[in-house]
Amino acid sequence: MRKLFSSVLLVAALSGCTAVGDFFKPYRIDVRQGNFVTQEMVSQLKSGMTRDQVRFVLGTPLVTDVFHSDRWDYIYRFQPGKGSLQERRLTVIFEDGKLARLEGDVRAGEAPSQP
């Protein structure tokens, strides 16, 4: 009788695990990686600025390529605990040591939302 009661209790407990598993999910932290570049920061950049001036405004680039020394990449990745992945990229192109152009997701005319 005791084994039968234990078996019934075990089956009842295991059958409720799927409902409980959907309700109790583990906590997941927000993960931020890279350089967060705002619209205000990009608005401060002007054509002809030196590398030091760009570094002062945007910070040190996350990626500097040895083979393309005139290109700096600012990459930002945000993975919230609940929600979808967000990525932003800004590429700064220099010519003769001066800022020539910007490429990427963040523009001076847009206001990206702070995650």
N, C-alpha and C. Protein backbone atom coordinates (compact mmCIF):
# COMPACT_ATOMS: atom_id res chain seq x y z
N MET A 1 0.82 -1.19 0.00
CA MET A 1 0.00 0.00 0.00
C MET A 1 0.87 1.26 0.00
N ARG A 2 1.94 1.18 0.76
CA ARG A 2 2.84 2.31 0.85
C ARG A 2 3.51 2.58 -0.50
N LYS A 3 3.88 1.51 -1.23
CA LYS A 3 4.51 1.68 -2.54
C LYS A 3 3.51 2.25 -3.54
N LEU A 4 2.27 1.82 -3.45
CA LEU A 4 1.25 2.33 -4.35
C LEU A 4 1.04 3.83 -4.11
N PHE A 5 0.97 4.25 -2.87
CA PHE A 5 0.81 5.66 -2.53
C PHE A 5 2.00 6.47 -3.02
N SER A 6 3.20 5.96 -2.85
CA SER A 6 4.42 6.64 -3.31
C SER A 6 4.41 6.78 -4.83
N SER A 7 3.97 5.73 -5.53
CA SER A 7 3.92 5.77 -6.99
C SER A 7 2.91 6.79 -7.49
N VAL A 8 1.74 6.83 -6.85
CA VAL A 8 0.70 7.79 -7.24
C VAL A 8 1.19 9.21 -6.98
N LEU A 9 1.83 9.42 -5.85
CA LEU A 9 2.36 10.74 -5.51
C LEU A 9 3.45 11.17 -6.49
N LEU A 10 4.29 10.24 -6.90
CA LEU A 10 5.34 10.53 -7.85
C LEU A 10 4.77 10.89 -9.22
N VAL A 11 3.78 10.13 -9.68
CA VAL A 11 3.15 10.42 -10.97
C VAL A 11 2.45 11.77 -10.93
N ALA A 12 1.78 12.08 -9.85
CA ALA A 12 1.09 13.37 -9.72
C ALA A 12 2.11 14.52 -9.73
N ALA A 13 3.20 14.33 -9.06
CA ALA A 13 4.23 15.37 -9.01
C ALA A 13 4.87 15.59 -10.37
N LEU A 14 5.16 14.52 -11.08
CA LEU A 14 5.79 14.64 -12.39
C LEU A 14 4.85 15.20 -13.44
N SER A 15 3.58 14.91 -13.35
CA SER A 15 2.63 15.44 -14.33
C SER A 15 2.44 16.94 -14.17
N GLY A 16 2.67 17.46 -12.99
CA GLY A 16 2.55 18.90 -12.76
C GLY A 16 3.80 19.67 -13.09
N CYS A 17 4.89 18.99 -13.42
CA CYS A 17 6.16 19.67 -13.68
C CYS A 17 6.10 20.55 -14.92
N THR A 18 5.36 20.14 -15.95
CA THR A 18 5.34 20.95 -17.16
C THR A 18 4.63 22.27 -16.91
N ALA A 19 3.56 22.27 -16.16
CA ALA A 19 2.87 23.52 -15.85
C ALA A 19 3.72 24.39 -14.94
N VAL A 20 4.37 23.78 -13.99
CA VAL A 20 5.22 24.54 -13.07
C VAL A 20 6.44 25.06 -13.81
N GLY A 21 6.99 24.28 -14.74
CA GLY A 21 8.17 24.69 -15.50
C GLY A 21 7.91 25.91 -16.37
N ASP A 22 6.69 26.04 -16.89
CA ASP A 22 6.35 27.22 -17.69
C ASP A 22 6.16 28.45 -16.81
N PHE A 23 5.74 28.25 -15.59
CA PHE A 23 5.47 29.37 -14.69
C PHE A 23 6.76 29.88 -14.05
N PHE A 24 7.61 28.97 -13.61
CA PHE A 24 8.85 29.35 -12.95
C PHE A 24 10.01 29.20 -13.93
N LYS A 25 10.42 30.31 -14.50
CA LYS A 25 11.56 30.29 -15.41
C LYS A 25 12.75 30.93 -14.70
N PRO A 26 13.95 30.53 -15.05
CA PRO A 26 15.12 31.11 -14.39
C PRO A 26 15.28 32.58 -14.76
N TYR A 27 15.86 33.34 -13.85
CA TYR A 27 16.12 34.76 -14.09
C TYR A 27 17.29 34.87 -15.07
N ARG A 28 17.13 35.71 -16.05
CA ARG A 28 18.19 35.95 -17.03
C ARG A 28 18.55 37.42 -16.98
N ILE A 29 19.83 37.70 -16.87
CA ILE A 29 20.28 39.09 -16.77
C ILE A 29 20.35 39.73 -18.15
N ASP A 30 20.31 41.07 -18.15
CA ASP A 30 20.53 41.82 -19.38
C ASP A 30 22.02 41.85 -19.64
N VAL A 31 22.42 41.56 -20.87
CA VAL A 31 23.82 41.53 -21.24
C VAL A 31 24.08 42.63 -22.25
N ARG A 32 24.95 43.57 -21.89
CA ARG A 32 25.34 44.68 -22.76
C ARG A 32 26.81 44.52 -23.11
N GLN A 33 27.13 44.61 -24.38
CA GLN A 33 28.51 44.47 -24.83
C GLN A 33 28.83 45.54 -25.85
N GLY A 34 30.01 46.10 -25.76
CA GLY A 34 30.47 47.04 -26.77
C GLY A 34 30.31 48.49 -26.37
N ASN A 35 30.36 49.36 -27.37
CA ASN A 35 30.27 50.80 -27.20
C ASN A 35 28.86 51.26 -27.53
N PHE A 36 28.16 51.85 -26.55
CA PHE A 36 26.84 52.41 -26.83
C PHE A 36 27.03 53.82 -27.35
N VAL A 37 26.69 54.04 -28.61
CA VAL A 37 26.86 55.33 -29.26
C VAL A 37 25.48 55.96 -29.42
N THR A 38 25.33 57.16 -28.87
CA THR A 38 24.04 57.85 -28.93
C THR A 38 23.98 58.80 -30.12
N GLN A 39 22.79 59.27 -30.40
CA GLN A 39 22.57 60.22 -31.48
C GLN A 39 23.29 61.52 -31.18
N GLU A 40 23.32 61.91 -29.91
CA GLU A 40 24.00 63.15 -29.52
C GLU A 40 25.51 63.05 -29.78
N MET A 41 26.08 61.88 -29.52
CA MET A 41 27.51 61.69 -29.76
C MET A 41 27.82 61.80 -31.25
N VAL A 42 27.00 61.19 -32.08
CA VAL A 42 27.22 61.23 -33.53
C VAL A 42 27.03 62.65 -34.05
N SER A 43 26.12 63.41 -33.44
CA SER A 43 25.88 64.78 -33.87
C SER A 43 27.09 65.68 -33.62
N GLN A 44 27.94 65.32 -32.68
CA GLN A 44 29.13 66.12 -32.38
C GLN A 44 30.25 65.90 -33.38
N LEU A 45 30.17 64.85 -34.17
CA LEU A 45 31.22 64.55 -35.12
C LEU A 45 31.10 65.44 -36.36
N LYS A 46 32.22 65.97 -36.79
CA LYS A 46 32.27 66.82 -37.97
C LYS A 46 33.35 66.30 -38.91
N SER A 47 33.12 66.44 -40.18
CA SER A 47 34.09 66.02 -41.17
C SER A 47 35.39 66.79 -40.95
N GLY A 48 36.52 66.07 -41.01
CA GLY A 48 37.82 66.70 -40.83
C GLY A 48 38.37 66.61 -39.42
N MET A 49 37.61 66.01 -38.49
CA MET A 49 38.11 65.86 -37.11
C MET A 49 39.27 64.86 -37.10
N THR A 50 40.19 65.04 -36.16
CA THR A 50 41.31 64.12 -36.03
C THR A 50 40.87 62.86 -35.29
N ARG A 51 41.73 61.86 -35.30
CA ARG A 51 41.44 60.60 -34.60
C ARG A 51 41.26 60.84 -33.09
N ASP A 52 42.09 61.70 -32.53
CA ASP A 52 41.98 61.98 -31.10
C ASP A 52 40.66 62.67 -30.76
N GLN A 53 40.21 63.55 -31.62
CA GLN A 53 38.93 64.23 -31.39
C GLN A 53 37.76 63.24 -31.47
N VAL A 54 37.82 62.34 -32.44
CA VAL A 54 36.77 61.32 -32.58
C VAL A 54 36.80 60.39 -31.36
N ARG A 55 37.98 60.00 -30.92
CA ARG A 55 38.10 59.13 -29.74
C ARG A 55 37.56 59.83 -28.49
N PHE A 56 37.75 61.14 -28.39
CA PHE A 56 37.23 61.89 -27.25
C PHE A 56 35.71 61.87 -27.23
N VAL A 57 35.09 61.98 -28.40
CA VAL A 57 33.62 62.02 -28.49
C VAL A 57 33.01 60.63 -28.32
N LEU A 58 33.54 59.64 -29.03
CA LEU A 58 32.92 58.31 -29.07
C LEU A 58 33.54 57.30 -28.12
N GLY A 59 34.76 57.55 -27.66
CA GLY A 59 35.46 56.58 -26.85
C GLY A 59 36.34 55.71 -27.74
N THR A 60 37.05 54.81 -27.11
CA THR A 60 37.93 53.91 -27.84
C THR A 60 37.10 52.90 -28.61
N PRO A 61 37.40 52.69 -29.89
CA PRO A 61 36.60 51.75 -30.68
C PRO A 61 36.76 50.32 -30.19
N LEU A 62 35.70 49.56 -30.33
CA LEU A 62 35.73 48.16 -29.93
C LEU A 62 36.61 47.35 -30.87
N VAL A 63 36.55 47.67 -32.16
CA VAL A 63 37.31 46.91 -33.14
C VAL A 63 38.19 47.88 -33.95
N THR A 64 39.50 47.61 -33.95
CA THR A 64 40.41 48.30 -34.85
C THR A 64 41.13 47.23 -35.66
N ASP A 65 41.03 47.35 -36.95
CA ASP A 65 41.58 46.34 -37.86
C ASP A 65 43.01 46.72 -38.24
N VAL A 66 43.92 45.79 -38.08
CA VAL A 66 45.32 46.02 -38.42
C VAL A 66 45.48 46.27 -39.92
N PHE A 67 44.68 45.61 -40.73
CA PHE A 67 44.79 45.73 -42.17
C PHE A 67 44.04 46.94 -42.73
N HIS A 68 43.13 47.51 -41.95
CA HIS A 68 42.38 48.71 -42.35
C HIS A 68 42.50 49.73 -41.23
N SER A 69 43.64 50.37 -41.14
CA SER A 69 43.90 51.28 -40.03
C SER A 69 43.06 52.56 -40.11
N ASP A 70 42.48 52.83 -41.26
CA ASP A 70 41.64 54.02 -41.42
C ASP A 70 40.17 53.74 -41.15
N ARG A 71 39.88 52.64 -40.50
CA ARG A 71 38.49 52.26 -40.22
C ARG A 71 38.37 51.85 -38.75
N TRP A 72 37.42 52.46 -38.05
CA TRP A 72 37.11 52.09 -36.66
C TRP A 72 35.66 51.61 -36.62
N ASP A 73 35.43 50.51 -35.92
CA ASP A 73 34.09 49.97 -35.79
C ASP A 73 33.64 50.05 -34.33
N TYR A 74 32.49 50.67 -34.14
CA TYR A 74 31.85 50.74 -32.83
C TYR A 74 30.64 49.83 -32.89
N ILE A 75 30.67 48.76 -32.13
CA ILE A 75 29.62 47.75 -32.16
C ILE A 75 28.99 47.68 -30.77
N TYR A 76 27.67 47.66 -30.73
CA TYR A 76 26.94 47.54 -29.47
C TYR A 76 25.93 46.41 -29.61
N ARG A 77 25.90 45.56 -28.60
CA ARG A 77 24.99 44.41 -28.60
C ARG A 77 24.28 44.36 -27.25
N PHE A 78 22.95 44.29 -27.29
CA PHE A 78 22.15 44.23 -26.07
C PHE A 78 21.23 43.03 -26.14
N GLN A 79 21.42 42.09 -25.22
CA GLN A 79 20.57 40.91 -25.12
C GLN A 79 19.80 41.00 -23.81
N PRO A 80 18.55 41.44 -23.85
CA PRO A 80 17.79 41.51 -22.60
C PRO A 80 17.44 40.11 -22.11
N GLY A 81 17.22 40.00 -20.82
CA GLY A 81 16.84 38.71 -20.24
C GLY A 81 15.55 38.19 -20.85
N LYS A 82 14.64 39.10 -21.10
CA LYS A 82 13.38 38.77 -21.78
C LYS A 82 13.26 39.72 -22.96
N GLY A 83 13.20 39.20 -24.13
CA GLY A 83 13.07 40.05 -25.31
C GLY A 83 14.04 39.65 -26.40
N SER A 84 14.07 40.48 -27.42
CA SER A 84 14.88 40.14 -28.59
C SER A 84 16.21 40.88 -28.57
N LEU A 85 17.16 40.33 -29.28
CA LEU A 85 18.50 40.87 -29.39
C LEU A 85 18.48 42.18 -30.18
N GLN A 86 19.27 43.16 -29.71
CA GLN A 86 19.42 44.42 -30.42
C GLN A 86 20.90 44.63 -30.72
N GLU A 87 21.21 45.02 -31.93
CA GLU A 87 22.58 45.31 -32.31
C GLU A 87 22.64 46.65 -33.03
N ARG A 88 23.71 47.39 -32.77
CA ARG A 88 23.97 48.65 -33.46
C ARG A 88 25.41 48.65 -33.92
N ARG A 89 25.63 49.27 -35.08
CA ARG A 89 26.98 49.36 -35.63
C ARG A 89 27.20 50.78 -36.15
N LEU A 90 28.41 51.26 -35.89
CA LEU A 90 28.83 52.54 -36.46
C LEU A 90 30.27 52.35 -36.92
N THR A 91 30.52 52.68 -38.17
CA THR A 91 31.85 52.59 -38.73
C THR A 91 32.33 54.00 -39.05
N VAL A 92 33.52 54.32 -38.56
CA VAL A 92 34.13 55.63 -38.79
C VAL A 92 35.27 55.42 -39.77
N ILE A 93 35.23 56.16 -40.87
CA ILE A 93 36.24 56.04 -41.92
C ILE A 93 37.09 57.32 -41.93
N PHE A 94 38.41 57.14 -41.88
CA PHE A 94 39.35 58.25 -41.93
C PHE A 94 40.08 58.24 -43.26
N GLU A 95 40.43 59.44 -43.72
CA GLU A 95 41.29 59.60 -44.88
C GLU A 95 42.34 60.64 -44.52
N ASP A 96 43.60 60.26 -44.64
CA ASP A 96 44.72 61.13 -44.27
C ASP A 96 44.65 61.58 -42.81
N GLY A 97 44.18 60.69 -41.94
CA GLY A 97 44.12 60.99 -40.51
C GLY A 97 42.96 61.87 -40.09
N LYS A 98 42.05 62.19 -41.00
CA LYS A 98 40.90 63.05 -40.71
C LYS A 98 39.61 62.27 -40.96
N LEU A 99 38.57 62.61 -40.22
CA LEU A 99 37.27 61.95 -40.38
C LEU A 99 36.71 62.25 -41.76
N ALA A 100 36.42 61.19 -42.52
CA ALA A 100 35.90 61.35 -43.87
C ALA A 100 34.40 61.07 -43.92
N ARG A 101 33.97 59.94 -43.34
CA ARG A 101 32.54 59.60 -43.39
C ARG A 101 32.18 58.60 -42.30
N LEU A 102 30.87 58.46 -42.09
CA LEU A 102 30.31 57.53 -41.11
C LEU A 102 29.39 56.57 -41.83
N GLU A 103 29.38 55.32 -41.39
CA GLU A 103 28.48 54.32 -41.93
C GLU A 103 27.88 53.55 -40.76
N GLY A 104 26.68 53.01 -40.95
CA GLY A 104 26.11 52.16 -39.92
C GLY A 104 24.69 52.52 -39.55
N ASP A 105 24.25 51.97 -38.42
CA ASP A 105 22.87 52.11 -37.96
C ASP A 105 22.59 53.44 -37.28
N VAL A 106 23.55 54.00 -36.58
CA VAL A 106 23.33 55.22 -35.79
C VAL A 106 23.64 56.42 -36.66
N ARG A 107 22.66 57.30 -36.81
CA ARG A 107 22.81 58.50 -37.61
C ARG A 107 22.55 59.72 -36.74
N ALA A 108 23.07 60.86 -37.16
CA ALA A 108 22.90 62.09 -36.39
C ALA A 108 21.44 62.55 -36.38
N GLY A 109 20.67 62.23 -37.41
CA GLY A 109 19.28 62.66 -37.49
C GLY A 109 18.30 61.76 -36.77
N GLU A 110 18.74 60.59 -36.32
CA GLU A 110 17.86 59.64 -35.65
C GLU A 110 18.12 59.66 -34.16
N ALA A 111 17.13 59.32 -33.40
CA ALA A 111 17.28 59.23 -31.96
C ALA A 111 17.08 57.78 -31.54
N PRO A 112 18.17 57.01 -31.40
CA PRO A 112 18.01 55.61 -30.99
C PRO A 112 17.52 55.51 -29.56
N SER A 113 16.67 54.54 -29.29
CA SER A 113 16.12 54.38 -27.95
C SER A 113 17.13 53.69 -27.04
N GLN A 114 17.21 54.17 -25.82
CA GLN A 114 18.11 53.56 -24.81
C GLN A 114 17.46 52.29 -24.31
N PRO A 115 18.12 51.13 -24.49
CA PRO A 115 17.53 49.87 -24.03
C PRO A 115 17.56 49.75 -22.52
